[in-house]
Amino acid sequence: MSQYRTHLPQLDDALFISDGGIETTLIFHEGIELPCFAAFDLLKDDAGAARLEAYFRRYASLARSEGVGLVLEAPTWRASADWGRKLGYSDAALARANRQAIDLLVRVRDEFETPETKIVISGCLGPRGDGYRIDSRMTRDEARAYHQPQIDTLASTEADMIAAFTMTYPEEGIGVIDAARARGMPVAISYTLETDGRLPSGDALRDVIERADAQTGAYAAYYMINCAHPSHFESVLGDGGAWRERIRGIRANASRRSHAELDDSPDLDDGNPDELGAQYRALNAFLPRMNVVGGCCGTDHRHVGAICNAMKGARGQYARA
């Protein structure tokens, strides 16, 4: 049974890290082919599962050495029905892969968790369509119906929460919240932003968060931003407003490239880890509740380590102020 489903420890404001860009790490650093960008497909054999476990163990070791919390996101971003069918998975095989992903993270938690390093296991969802653009747009009810089976499976495991990443338009995120609430699962919704700080749908981040809270009774535990560089959205956060307190998490790209440029790029732009850490530290001025930090495309353990150090420094600074 889940350890933290009734109360997520990251809601107590301690610093938590997460991992970096799992897919770009596996593809560009480890030379692994991931059809449809689907990391969960590695769970089909022992060798692949071992590669995933080694990946997560590195971040668990980092969190423990730094004395901070850790949110382990299951490698299930693509493990939903449409993507599973593209990869040849039956419904039963897809459900089994979701359960295997959580079991893998439980093993990591059992080895690395300490009183100082609480480890939260998160069932990760991705968009039904492309994570960079909107090919088709579901209604709220359609989104709930699409994501419900994966959430039902994850709710039957030791996952502590659900997190939906790279949401590109409002209705899909709201549908995920509805589906998570139907199973009593805490949920975080993470939006991706374009270089103008807006969602790919053109919606303003503030409007999307306020709309989701208004339509769901503020059920989401918190919101996040992922798969965008801090320079793409810093100005949006500077507009002010209480809505910013609902954003606890940032998982930014190392690259300043747009989504279109990343899609067309044959190489990995891994940026500068120390520079990225400094940019996270600067975001504290805009996001008073930001305490769940990790990376997205192009980032790895080096970036997350730099981000962790920068955030620890920033939190100490504000504690003294």
C-alpha atoms as a PDB file:
ATOM      1  CA  MET A   1       0.000   0.000   0.000  1.00  0.00           C
ATOM      2  CA  SER A   2       1.167   3.538  -0.712  1.00  0.00           C
ATOM      3  CA  GLN A   3       3.146   5.240   2.059  1.00  0.00           C
ATOM      4  CA  TYR A   4       2.232   8.822   1.248  1.00  0.00           C
ATOM      5  CA  ARG A   5      -1.060   8.799  -0.621  1.00  0.00           C
ATOM      6  CA  THR A   6      -2.920  10.405   2.292  1.00  0.00           C
ATOM      7  CA  HIS A   7      -0.327  13.172   2.656  1.00  0.00           C
ATOM      8  CA  LEU A   8       2.414  13.964   0.169  1.00  0.00           C
ATOM      9  CA  PRO A   9       5.545  14.999   2.086  1.00  0.00           C
ATOM     10  CA  GLN A  10       6.548  17.542  -0.570  1.00  0.00           C
ATOM     11  CA  LEU A  11       3.521  19.577   0.495  1.00  0.00           C
ATOM     12  CA  ASP A  12       5.406  20.334   3.730  1.00  0.00           C
ATOM     13  CA  ASP A  13       7.802  22.566   1.711  1.00  0.00           C
ATOM     14  CA  ALA A  14      11.044  20.590   2.148  1.00  0.00           C
ATOM     15  CA  LEU A  15      13.218  20.408  -0.964  1.00  0.00           C
ATOM     16  CA  PHE A  16      12.604  17.436  -3.279  1.00  0.00           C
ATOM     17  CA  ILE A  17      14.504  16.611  -6.428  1.00  0.00           C
ATOM     18  CA  SER A  18      13.374  14.411  -9.305  1.00  0.00           C
ATOM     19  CA  ASP A  19      15.239  12.915 -12.235  1.00  0.00           C
ATOM     20  CA  GLY A  20      16.329  14.525 -15.485  1.00  0.00           C
ATOM     21  CA  GLY A  21      15.329  13.825 -19.061  1.00  0.00           C
ATOM     22  CA  ILE A  22      15.031  10.052 -18.974  1.00  0.00           C
ATOM     23  CA  GLU A  23      14.371   9.591 -22.685  1.00  0.00           C
ATOM     24  CA  THR A  24      17.149  11.893 -23.904  1.00  0.00           C
ATOM     25  CA  THR A  25      19.567  10.346 -21.400  1.00  0.00           C
ATOM     26  CA  LEU A  26      18.800   6.824 -22.570  1.00  0.00           C
ATOM     27  CA  ILE A  27      18.894   7.711 -26.267  1.00  0.00           C
ATOM     28  CA  PHE A  28      21.845  10.104 -26.475  1.00  0.00           C
ATOM     29  CA  HIS A  29      24.042   9.041 -23.543  1.00  0.00           C
ATOM     30  CA  GLU A  30      23.374   5.319 -23.425  1.00  0.00           C
ATOM     31  CA  GLY A  31      22.650   4.643 -27.090  1.00  0.00           C
ATOM     32  CA  ILE A  32      19.320   2.920 -26.449  1.00  0.00           C
ATOM     33  CA  GLU A  33      16.585   3.016 -29.060  1.00  0.00           C
ATOM     34  CA  LEU A  34      13.214   4.060 -27.661  1.00  0.00           C
ATOM     35  CA  PRO A  35      10.388   3.561 -30.153  1.00  0.00           C
ATOM     36  CA  CYS A  36       7.837   6.361 -29.780  1.00  0.00           C
ATOM     37  CA  PHE A  37      10.060   7.840 -27.035  1.00  0.00           C
ATOM     38  CA  ALA A  38       8.668   5.109 -24.759  1.00  0.00           C
ATOM     39  CA  ALA A  39      10.988   4.296 -21.865  1.00  0.00           C
ATOM     40  CA  PHE A  40       8.514   1.787 -20.439  1.00  0.00           C
ATOM     41  CA  ASP A  41       9.204  -0.499 -23.411  1.00  0.00           C
ATOM     42  CA  LEU A  42      12.523  -1.408 -21.744  1.00  0.00           C
ATOM     43  CA  LEU A  43      10.569  -3.301 -19.094  1.00  0.00           C
ATOM     44  CA  LYS A  44       9.838  -6.081 -21.586  1.00  0.00           C
ATOM     45  CA  ASP A  45      13.089  -7.862 -20.665  1.00  0.00           C
ATOM     46  CA  ASP A  46      15.435  -8.118 -17.682  1.00  0.00           C
ATOM     47  CA  ALA A  47      18.273  -6.238 -19.364  1.00  0.00           C
ATOM     48  CA  GLY A  48      16.073  -3.245 -20.112  1.00  0.00           C
ATOM     49  CA  ALA A  49      14.606  -3.229 -16.619  1.00  0.00           C
ATOM     50  CA  ALA A  50      18.132  -3.276 -15.196  1.00  0.00           C
ATOM     51  CA  ARG A  51      19.041  -0.219 -17.282  1.00  0.00           C
ATOM     52  CA  LEU A  52      16.031   1.642 -15.934  1.00  0.00           C
ATOM     53  CA  GLU A  53      16.762   0.634 -12.350  1.00  0.00           C
ATOM     54  CA  ALA A  54      20.365   1.823 -12.676  1.00  0.00           C
ATOM     55  CA  TYR A  55      19.074   5.136 -14.033  1.00  0.00           C
ATOM     56  CA  PHE A  56      16.805   5.737 -11.037  1.00  0.00           C
ATOM     57  CA  ARG A  57      19.366   4.495  -8.507  1.00  0.00           C
ATOM     58  CA  ARG A  58      21.708   7.292  -9.589  1.00  0.00           C
ATOM     59  CA  TYR A  59      19.141   9.917  -8.621  1.00  0.00           C
ATOM     60  CA  ALA A  60      18.240   8.130  -5.390  1.00  0.00           C
ATOM     61  CA  SER A  61      21.916   8.115  -4.445  1.00  0.00           C
ATOM     62  CA  LEU A  62      22.150  11.825  -5.234  1.00  0.00           C
ATOM     63  CA  ALA A  63      19.102  12.664  -3.105  1.00  0.00           C
ATOM     64  CA  ARG A  64      20.404  10.667  -0.168  1.00  0.00           C
ATOM     65  CA  SER A  65      23.867  12.211  -0.360  1.00  0.00           C
ATOM     66  CA  GLU A  66      22.351  15.707  -0.469  1.00  0.00           C
ATOM     67  CA  GLY A  67      19.859  15.009   2.321  1.00  0.00           C
ATOM     68  CA  VAL A  68      16.838  16.047   0.260  1.00  0.00           C
ATOM     69  CA  GLY A  69      13.603  14.346  -0.721  1.00  0.00           C
ATOM     70  CA  LEU A  70      13.036  12.576  -4.028  1.00  0.00           C
ATOM     71  CA  VAL A  71      10.042  12.179  -6.322  1.00  0.00           C
ATOM     72  CA  LEU A  72      10.548   9.102  -8.489  1.00  0.00           C
ATOM     73  CA  GLU A  73       8.524   9.442 -11.693  1.00  0.00           C
ATOM     74  CA  ALA A  74       7.677   6.077 -13.198  1.00  0.00           C
ATOM     75  CA  PRO A  75       8.902   5.587 -16.794  1.00  0.00           C
ATOM     76  CA  THR A  76       5.266   5.389 -17.933  1.00  0.00           C
ATOM     77  CA  TRP A  77       4.864   8.694 -19.786  1.00  0.00           C
ATOM     78  CA  ARG A  78       3.980   6.767 -22.953  1.00  0.00           C
ATOM     79  CA  ALA A  79       2.254   3.815 -21.262  1.00  0.00           C
ATOM     80  CA  SER A  80      -1.303   4.744 -22.207  1.00  0.00           C
ATOM     81  CA  ALA A  81      -3.688   3.074 -24.654  1.00  0.00           C
ATOM     82  CA  ASP A  82      -2.962   4.827 -27.965  1.00  0.00           C
ATOM     83  CA  TRP A  83       0.811   4.674 -27.568  1.00  0.00           C
ATOM     84  CA  GLY A  84       0.642   1.119 -26.290  1.00  0.00           C
ATOM     85  CA  ARG A  85      -1.221   0.045 -29.415  1.00  0.00           C
ATOM     86  CA  LYS A  86       1.383   1.704 -31.623  1.00  0.00           C
ATOM     87  CA  LEU A  87       4.010  -0.381 -29.852  1.00  0.00           C
ATOM     88  CA  GLY A  88       2.004  -3.610 -30.128  1.00  0.00           C
ATOM     89  CA  TYR A  89       0.856  -3.893 -26.503  1.00  0.00           C
ATOM     90  CA  SER A  90      -2.455  -5.435 -25.544  1.00  0.00           C
ATOM     91  CA  ASP A  91      -4.437  -3.786 -22.760  1.00  0.00           C
ATOM     92  CA  ALA A  92      -3.308  -6.505 -20.373  1.00  0.00           C
ATOM     93  CA  ALA A  93       0.360  -6.155 -21.347  1.00  0.00           C
ATOM     94  CA  LEU A  94       0.171  -2.389 -20.975  1.00  0.00           C
ATOM     95  CA  ALA A  95      -1.337  -2.676 -17.496  1.00  0.00           C
ATOM     96  CA  ARG A  96       1.389  -5.143 -16.563  1.00  0.00           C
ATOM     97  CA  ALA A  97       4.090  -2.697 -17.748  1.00  0.00           C
ATOM     98  CA  ASN A  98       2.610   0.069 -15.597  1.00  0.00           C
ATOM     99  CA  ARG A  99       2.670  -2.211 -12.566  1.00  0.00           C
ATOM    100  CA  GLN A 100       6.222  -3.344 -13.308  1.00  0.00           C
ATOM    101  CA  ALA A 101       7.356   0.276 -13.494  1.00  0.00           C
ATOM    102  CA  ILE A 102       6.023   1.000 -10.008  1.00  0.00           C
ATOM    103  CA  ASP A 103       7.485  -2.239  -8.621  1.00  0.00           C
ATOM    104  CA  LEU A 104      10.898  -1.149  -9.925  1.00  0.00           C
ATOM    105  CA  LEU A 105      10.630   2.169  -8.091  1.00  0.00           C
ATOM    106  CA  VAL A 106       9.525   0.426  -4.893  1.00  0.00           C
ATOM    107  CA  ARG A 107      12.765  -1.561  -4.971  1.00  0.00           C
ATOM    108  CA  VAL A 108      14.748   1.658  -5.310  1.00  0.00           C
ATOM    109  CA  ARG A 109      12.829   3.301  -2.465  1.00  0.00           C
ATOM    110  CA  ASP A 110      13.323   0.302  -0.186  1.00  0.00           C
ATOM    111  CA  GLU A 111      17.090   0.609  -0.628  1.00  0.00           C
ATOM    112  CA  PHE A 112      17.581   4.369  -0.494  1.00  0.00           C
ATOM    113  CA  GLU A 113      14.871   5.996   1.624  1.00  0.00           C
ATOM    114  CA  THR A 114      15.938   7.548   4.942  1.00  0.00           C
ATOM    115  CA  PRO A 115      14.178   9.885   7.414  1.00  0.00           C
ATOM    116  CA  GLU A 116      15.911  12.825   5.685  1.00  0.00           C
ATOM    117  CA  THR A 117      15.291  11.509   2.178  1.00  0.00           C
ATOM    118  CA  LYS A 118      11.634  10.694   1.853  1.00  0.00           C
ATOM    119  CA  ILE A 119      10.943   9.063  -1.519  1.00  0.00           C
ATOM    120  CA  VAL A 120       7.591   9.597  -3.218  1.00  0.00           C
ATOM    121  CA  ILE A 121       6.592   7.243  -6.032  1.00  0.00           C
ATOM    122  CA  SER A 122       4.656   8.971  -8.793  1.00  0.00           C
ATOM    123  CA  GLY A 123       2.709   7.315 -11.579  1.00  0.00           C
ATOM    124  CA  CYS A 124       3.646   9.369 -14.632  1.00  0.00           C
ATOM    125  CA  LEU A 125       1.164  10.091 -17.432  1.00  0.00           C
ATOM    126  CA  GLY A 126       1.812  11.789 -20.732  1.00  0.00           C
ATOM    127  CA  PRO A 127      -0.413  13.423 -23.307  1.00  0.00           C
ATOM    128  CA  ARG A 128      -2.579  11.288 -25.563  1.00  0.00           C
ATOM    129  CA  GLY A 129      -1.038  13.019 -28.554  1.00  0.00           C
ATOM    130  CA  ASP A 130       2.253  14.704 -29.280  1.00  0.00           C
ATOM    131  CA  GLY A 131       3.923  16.490 -26.387  1.00  0.00           C
ATOM    132  CA  TYR A 132       4.922  19.493 -28.487  1.00  0.00           C
ATOM    133  CA  ARG A 133       1.834  20.217 -30.557  1.00  0.00           C
ATOM    134  CA  ILE A 134      -1.885  19.526 -30.583  1.00  0.00           C
ATOM    135  CA  ASP A 135      -2.875  17.016 -33.260  1.00  0.00           C
ATOM    136  CA  SER A 136      -6.381  16.569 -31.857  1.00  0.00           C
ATOM    137  CA  ARG A 137      -8.106  18.030 -28.825  1.00  0.00           C
ATOM    138  CA  MET A 138     -10.254  16.054 -26.397  1.00  0.00           C
ATOM    139  CA  THR A 139     -13.057  17.394 -24.278  1.00  0.00           C
ATOM    140  CA  ARG A 140     -12.734  17.188 -20.510  1.00  0.00           C
ATOM    141  CA  ASP A 141     -14.879  14.048 -20.391  1.00  0.00           C
ATOM    142  CA  GLU A 142     -12.986  12.420 -23.254  1.00  0.00           C
ATOM    143  CA  ALA A 143      -9.697  13.114 -21.506  1.00  0.00           C
ATOM    144  CA  ARG A 144     -10.967  11.598 -18.267  1.00  0.00           C
ATOM    145  CA  ALA A 145     -12.170   8.491 -20.092  1.00  0.00           C
ATOM    146  CA  TYR A 146      -8.876   8.113 -21.975  1.00  0.00           C
ATOM    147  CA  HIS A 147      -6.612   8.417 -18.940  1.00  0.00           C
ATOM    148  CA  GLN A 148      -8.834   6.530 -16.469  1.00  0.00           C
ATOM    149  CA  PRO A 149      -7.570   3.013 -17.308  1.00  0.00           C
ATOM    150  CA  GLN A 150      -3.916   3.914 -16.722  1.00  0.00           C
ATOM    151  CA  ILE A 151      -4.782   5.755 -13.502  1.00  0.00           C
ATOM    152  CA  ASP A 152      -6.882   2.798 -12.352  1.00  0.00           C
ATOM    153  CA  THR A 153      -3.887   0.511 -12.848  1.00  0.00           C
ATOM    154  CA  LEU A 154      -1.488   2.847 -11.058  1.00  0.00           C
ATOM    155  CA  ALA A 155      -3.950   3.298  -8.197  1.00  0.00           C
ATOM    156  CA  SER A 156      -3.816  -0.461  -7.598  1.00  0.00           C
ATOM    157  CA  THR A 157      -0.036  -0.294  -7.004  1.00  0.00           C
ATOM    158  CA  GLU A 158       2.149   1.350  -4.362  1.00  0.00           C
ATOM    159  CA  ALA A 159       2.213   4.628  -6.288  1.00  0.00           C
ATOM    160  CA  ASP A 160       1.691   7.575  -3.951  1.00  0.00           C
ATOM    161  CA  MET A 161       0.385   9.985  -6.573  1.00  0.00           C
ATOM    162  CA  ILE A 162      -0.290  10.641 -10.240  1.00  0.00           C
ATOM    163  CA  ALA A 163       1.576  13.253 -12.269  1.00  0.00           C
ATOM    164  CA  ALA A 164       0.651  14.220 -15.827  1.00  0.00           C
ATOM    165  CA  PHE A 165       3.486  15.812 -17.774  1.00  0.00           C
ATOM    166  CA  THR A 166       3.705  17.841 -20.958  1.00  0.00           C
ATOM    167  CA  MET A 167       0.045  18.801 -21.018  1.00  0.00           C
ATOM    168  CA  THR A 168      -0.512  21.042 -24.043  1.00  0.00           C
ATOM    169  CA  TYR A 169      -4.067  22.317 -23.532  1.00  0.00           C
ATOM    170  CA  PRO A 170      -6.435  22.860 -20.575  1.00  0.00           C
ATOM    171  CA  GLU A 171      -9.063  20.148 -21.067  1.00  0.00           C
ATOM    172  CA  GLU A 172      -6.652  17.217 -20.970  1.00  0.00           C
ATOM    173  CA  GLY A 173      -5.170  18.318 -17.664  1.00  0.00           C
ATOM    174  CA  ILE A 174      -8.618  18.803 -16.149  1.00  0.00           C
ATOM    175  CA  GLY A 175      -9.692  15.368 -17.378  1.00  0.00           C
ATOM    176  CA  VAL A 176      -6.666  13.810 -15.671  1.00  0.00           C
ATOM    177  CA  ILE A 177      -7.611  15.558 -12.421  1.00  0.00           C
ATOM    178  CA  ASP A 178     -11.133  14.124 -12.713  1.00  0.00           C
ATOM    179  CA  ALA A 179      -9.780  10.627 -13.319  1.00  0.00           C
ATOM    180  CA  ALA A 180      -7.351  10.840 -10.398  1.00  0.00           C
ATOM    181  CA  ARG A 181     -10.060  12.138  -8.066  1.00  0.00           C
ATOM    182  CA  ALA A 182     -12.301   9.198  -9.057  1.00  0.00           C
ATOM    183  CA  ARG A 183      -9.653   6.901  -7.561  1.00  0.00           C
ATOM    184  CA  GLY A 184      -8.753   9.123  -4.604  1.00  0.00           C
ATOM    185  CA  MET A 185      -5.238   9.691  -5.952  1.00  0.00           C
ATOM    186  CA  PRO A 186      -3.293  12.898  -5.310  1.00  0.00           C
ATOM    187  CA  VAL A 187      -2.351  14.461  -8.640  1.00  0.00           C
ATOM    188  CA  ALA A 188       0.020  17.053 -10.058  1.00  0.00           C
ATOM    189  CA  ILE A 189      -0.436  18.546 -13.519  1.00  0.00           C
ATOM    190  CA  SER A 190       2.565  19.792 -15.474  1.00  0.00           C
ATOM    191  CA  TYR A 191       2.175  22.025 -18.518  1.00  0.00           C
ATOM    192  CA  THR A 192       4.659  22.541 -21.304  1.00  0.00           C
ATOM    193  CA  LEU A 193       5.183  26.057 -22.620  1.00  0.00           C
ATOM    194  CA  GLU A 194       6.363  27.577 -25.871  1.00  0.00           C
ATOM    195  CA  THR A 195       9.048  30.269 -26.144  1.00  0.00           C
ATOM    196  CA  ASP A 196       6.370  32.921 -25.499  1.00  0.00           C
ATOM    197  CA  GLY A 197       5.456  31.343 -22.158  1.00  0.00           C
ATOM    198  CA  ARG A 198       2.068  30.080 -23.380  1.00  0.00           C
ATOM    199  CA  LEU A 199       0.829  26.534 -23.776  1.00  0.00           C
ATOM    200  CA  PRO A 200       0.935  25.102 -27.315  1.00  0.00           C
ATOM    201  CA  SER A 201      -2.834  25.763 -27.364  1.00  0.00           C
ATOM    202  CA  GLY A 202      -2.099  29.471 -27.015  1.00  0.00           C
ATOM    203  CA  ASP A 203      -3.612  29.636 -23.529  1.00  0.00           C
ATOM    204  CA  ALA A 204      -1.905  31.673 -20.822  1.00  0.00           C
ATOM    205  CA  LEU A 205      -0.491  29.596 -17.962  1.00  0.00           C
ATOM    206  CA  ARG A 206      -2.279  31.701 -15.362  1.00  0.00           C
ATOM    207  CA  ASP A 207      -5.633  31.206 -17.076  1.00  0.00           C
ATOM    208  CA  VAL A 208      -5.119  27.446 -17.362  1.00  0.00           C
ATOM    209  CA  ILE A 209      -4.232  26.994 -13.691  1.00  0.00           C
ATOM    210  CA  GLU A 210      -7.055  29.224 -12.479  1.00  0.00           C
ATOM    211  CA  ARG A 211      -9.521  27.433 -14.777  1.00  0.00           C
ATOM    212  CA  ALA A 212      -8.424  23.978 -13.601  1.00  0.00           C
ATOM    213  CA  ASP A 213      -8.769  24.982  -9.964  1.00  0.00           C
ATOM    214  CA  ALA A 214     -12.153  26.614 -10.538  1.00  0.00           C
ATOM    215  CA  GLN A 215     -13.563  23.593 -12.381  1.00  0.00           C
ATOM    216  CA  THR A 216     -12.201  20.905 -10.034  1.00  0.00           C
ATOM    217  CA  GLY A 217     -12.447  22.570  -6.622  1.00  0.00           C
ATOM    218  CA  ALA A 218      -8.645  22.975  -6.608  1.00  0.00           C
ATOM    219  CA  TYR A 219      -8.277  19.180  -6.306  1.00  0.00           C
ATOM    220  CA  ALA A 220      -4.772  19.053  -7.809  1.00  0.00           C
ATOM    221  CA  ALA A 221      -2.060  18.880  -5.150  1.00  0.00           C
ATOM    222  CA  TYR A 222      -0.006  21.314  -7.215  1.00  0.00           C
ATOM    223  CA  TYR A 223       1.010  22.298 -10.725  1.00  0.00           C
ATOM    224  CA  MET A 224       4.314  22.136 -12.559  1.00  0.00           C
ATOM    225  CA  ILE A 225       6.068  23.370 -15.698  1.00  0.00           C
ATOM    226  CA  ASN A 226       8.142  21.004 -17.806  1.00  0.00           C
ATOM    227  CA  CYS A 227       9.849  20.726 -21.196  1.00  0.00           C
ATOM    228  CA  ALA A 228      10.605  24.436 -21.547  1.00  0.00           C
ATOM    229  CA  HIS A 229      13.703  26.476 -20.751  1.00  0.00           C
ATOM    230  CA  PRO A 230      13.430  29.002 -17.874  1.00  0.00           C
ATOM    231  CA  SER A 231      14.062  31.841 -20.322  1.00  0.00           C
ATOM    232  CA  HIS A 232      10.814  30.868 -22.087  1.00  0.00           C
ATOM    233  CA  PHE A 233       8.558  31.456 -19.104  1.00  0.00           C
ATOM    234  CA  GLU A 234      10.325  33.669 -16.564  1.00  0.00           C
ATOM    235  CA  SER A 235       8.613  36.802 -17.862  1.00  0.00           C
ATOM    236  CA  VAL A 236       5.180  35.179 -17.537  1.00  0.00           C
ATOM    237  CA  LEU A 237       5.815  34.450 -13.867  1.00  0.00           C
ATOM    238  CA  GLY A 238       6.851  38.051 -13.303  1.00  0.00           C
ATOM    239  CA  ASP A 239       3.288  39.208 -13.934  1.00  0.00           C
ATOM    240  CA  GLY A 240       2.405  38.413 -10.329  1.00  0.00           C
ATOM    241  CA  GLY A 241      -0.685  36.866  -8.780  1.00  0.00           C
ATOM    242  CA  ALA A 242      -1.568  34.298  -6.131  1.00  0.00           C
ATOM    243  CA  TRP A 243      -1.865  31.619  -8.834  1.00  0.00           C
ATOM    244  CA  ARG A 244       1.912  31.274  -8.752  1.00  0.00           C
ATOM    245  CA  GLU A 245       1.675  29.685  -5.290  1.00  0.00           C
ATOM    246  CA  ARG A 246       0.011  26.676  -6.924  1.00  0.00           C
ATOM    247  CA  ILE A 247       3.223  25.943  -8.880  1.00  0.00           C
ATOM    248  CA  ARG A 248       5.508  23.719  -6.823  1.00  0.00           C
ATOM    249  CA  GLY A 249       7.476  21.978  -9.527  1.00  0.00           C
ATOM    250  CA  ILE A 250       9.826  22.844 -12.395  1.00  0.00           C
ATOM    251  CA  ARG A 251      11.386  20.320 -14.758  1.00  0.00           C
ATOM    252  CA  ALA A 252      13.003  22.522 -17.372  1.00  0.00           C
ATOM    253  CA  ASN A 253      14.917  21.738 -20.529  1.00  0.00           C
ATOM    254  CA  ALA A 254      18.650  22.353 -20.645  1.00  0.00           C
ATOM    255  CA  SER A 255      18.252  23.768 -24.142  1.00  0.00           C
ATOM    256  CA  ARG A 256      16.886  27.170 -25.119  1.00  0.00           C
ATOM    257  CA  ARG A 257      15.652  25.672 -28.400  1.00  0.00           C
ATOM    258  CA  SER A 258      11.970  25.812 -29.267  1.00  0.00           C
ATOM    259  CA  HIS A 259       9.915  22.636 -29.449  1.00  0.00           C
ATOM    260  CA  ALA A 260      10.069  22.767 -33.242  1.00  0.00           C
ATOM    261  CA  GLU A 261      13.855  23.091 -33.158  1.00  0.00           C
ATOM    262  CA  LEU A 262      14.173  20.219 -30.687  1.00  0.00           C
ATOM    263  CA  ASP A 263      11.978  18.040 -32.890  1.00  0.00           C
ATOM    264  CA  ASP A 264      14.223  18.666 -35.895  1.00  0.00           C
ATOM    265  CA  SER A 265      17.537  18.386 -34.050  1.00  0.00           C
ATOM    266  CA  PRO A 266      19.712  15.303 -34.625  1.00  0.00           C
ATOM    267  CA  ASP A 267      21.952  16.153 -31.669  1.00  0.00           C
ATOM    268  CA  LEU A 268      21.513  16.706 -27.936  1.00  0.00           C
ATOM    269  CA  ASP A 269      21.738  20.239 -26.600  1.00  0.00           C
ATOM    270  CA  ASP A 270      22.592  19.686 -22.939  1.00  0.00           C
ATOM    271  CA  GLY A 271      23.239  23.350 -22.160  1.00  0.00           C
ATOM    272  CA  ASN A 272      25.241  24.318 -19.065  1.00  0.00           C
ATOM    273  CA  PRO A 273      24.319  22.603 -15.772  1.00  0.00           C
ATOM    274  CA  ASP A 274      25.597  25.420 -13.543  1.00  0.00           C
ATOM    275  CA  GLU A 275      23.828  28.065 -15.607  1.00  0.00           C
ATOM    276  CA  LEU A 276      20.599  26.080 -15.411  1.00  0.00           C
ATOM    277  CA  GLY A 277      20.987  25.781 -11.648  1.00  0.00           C
ATOM    278  CA  ALA A 278      21.394  29.547 -11.359  1.00  0.00           C
ATOM    279  CA  GLN A 279      18.254  30.055 -13.432  1.00  0.00           C
ATOM    280  CA  TYR A 280      16.285  27.801 -11.080  1.00  0.00           C
ATOM    281  CA  ARG A 281      17.582  29.789  -8.140  1.00  0.00           C
ATOM    282  CA  ALA A 282      16.372  33.001  -9.769  1.00  0.00           C
ATOM    283  CA  LEU A 283      12.889  31.504 -10.187  1.00  0.00           C
ATOM    284  CA  ASN A 284      12.500  31.502  -6.389  1.00  0.00           C
ATOM    285  CA  ALA A 285      11.681  35.185  -6.593  1.00  0.00           C
ATOM    286  CA  PHE A 286       8.582  34.359  -8.650  1.00  0.00           C
ATOM    287  CA  LEU A 287       7.542  30.975  -7.264  1.00  0.00           C
ATOM    288  CA  PRO A 288       7.381  31.042  -3.458  1.00  0.00           C
ATOM    289  CA  ARG A 289       6.251  27.388  -3.236  1.00  0.00           C
ATOM    290  CA  MET A 290       8.714  25.860  -5.703  1.00  0.00           C
ATOM    291  CA  ASN A 291      10.279  22.857  -3.975  1.00  0.00           C
ATOM    292  CA  VAL A 292      10.052  19.947  -6.469  1.00  0.00           C
ATOM    293  CA  VAL A 293      12.834  20.326  -9.023  1.00  0.00           C
ATOM    294  CA  GLY A 294      14.266  18.149 -11.745  1.00  0.00           C
ATOM    295  CA  GLY A 295      14.991  18.287 -15.446  1.00  0.00           C
ATOM    296  CA  CYS A 296      13.502  17.456 -18.811  1.00  0.00           C
ATOM    297  CA  CYS A 297      14.982  17.190 -22.316  1.00  0.00           C
ATOM    298  CA  GLY A 298      18.776  17.336 -22.391  1.00  0.00           C
ATOM    299  CA  THR A 299      19.243  17.149 -18.626  1.00  0.00           C
ATOM    300  CA  ASP A 300      20.858  14.385 -16.599  1.00  0.00           C
ATOM    301  CA  HIS A 301      22.276  13.855 -13.107  1.00  0.00           C
ATOM    302  CA  ARG A 302      24.795  16.689 -13.594  1.00  0.00           C
ATOM    303  CA  HIS A 303      22.036  19.215 -14.149  1.00  0.00           C
ATOM    304  CA  VAL A 304      19.891  17.921 -11.296  1.00  0.00           C
ATOM    305  CA  GLY A 305      22.907  18.043  -8.978  1.00  0.00           C
ATOM    306  CA  ALA A 306      23.584  21.663  -9.946  1.00  0.00           C
ATOM    307  CA  ILE A 307      19.894  22.543  -9.546  1.00  0.00           C
ATOM    308  CA  CYS A 308      19.807  20.883  -6.119  1.00  0.00           C
ATOM    309  CA  ASN A 309      22.853  22.828  -4.924  1.00  0.00           C
ATOM    310  CA  ALA A 310      21.459  26.100  -6.255  1.00  0.00           C
ATOM    311  CA  MET A 311      18.088  25.516  -4.624  1.00  0.00           C
ATOM    312  CA  LYS A 312      19.659  24.613  -1.285  1.00  0.00           C
ATOM    313  CA  GLY A 313      21.591  27.865  -1.442  1.00  0.00           C
ATOM    314  CA  ALA A 314      18.532  29.893  -2.368  1.00  0.00           C
ATOM    315  CA  ARG A 315      16.418  28.364   0.386  1.00  0.00           C
ATOM    316  CA  GLY A 316      19.115  29.130   2.943  1.00  0.00           C
ATOM    317  CA  GLN A 317      19.284  32.708   1.685  1.00  0.00           C
ATOM    318  CA  TYR A 318      15.549  33.235   1.999  1.00  0.00           C
ATOM    319  CA  ALA A 319      15.443  31.575   5.409  1.00  0.00           C
ATOM    320  CA  ARG A 320      17.973  34.163   6.647  1.00  0.00           C
ATOM    321  CA  ALA A 321      16.224  37.093   4.999  1.00  0.00           C
END
